[in-house]
Amino acid sequence: MTASASSPTPRTAEVARTTAETDIAVAVNLDGTGQAELHSGIGFFDHMLEQIARHGLIDLRVQCKGDLHIDGHHTVEDIGITLGQAFARAVGDKRGIRRYGHAYVPLDEALSRVVIDLSGRPGLSFEVPFTSPMIGALDVQLVQEFFQGFANHAAVTLHVDNLRGINAHHQAETVFKAFGRALRMALEHDPRSAGVIPSTKGAL
């Protein structure tokens, strides 16, 4: 993965994480063009990860061998953890970034809002009343597990709300698209605060 000229230093990272349940390799370029190479073993989840890459303009590579013969829980949660670790490594000390990001994204009848603070403090508020228990091979309960794993290990504060929706596919897609757009905003370099950490504490 190559760094974009929009960033003075490459914001990239690769993380490998192996447990008795999953074997995962993740690579990110936070200043990418939205390229994605995704192999989670769960087709719909790959489709959602692609939304993060495309709408966040993040190059993302995920390779996972998980215990899908049991269910998708370990795979989805552990990808969230590993992606969070890679994100935390790539983002660096956060000098000169906007820090906060938000997005509203519609898809037909569905509308979701995601707000993120690259705060250094892990926290998740998740209010998504899915209308179906499964989307393809993805148990919708695992969407929250993904975002919890990411928030905990990226050390971000994240609010995810589906404001309306009837079709569960639409609900999920608006959530992941909004997450990508909110990340993109928060990661942008602010020309008015170049070199400054956006916190009165002087650290994030």
Foldseek 3Di string as FASTA:
>chain_A
DDADPQDPDWLKFWDWDDDPFKTKIKIKTQRAQQAEADDLVAVLVSVLVSLLSNLLRMYMYMDMDGPPVVNCQCSLLVVLQRVLQGNLSRLPFVAQFQQKFKDWDADVFWIKIKIKGLPLAFAEAEAQDAQDQDDRRDGVVNVVSSPNSNRVRNVMHMYIHTPDDDHRSRSSNRRSNRNSNRNNRRSRGDPVRGRFRPDPVRGD
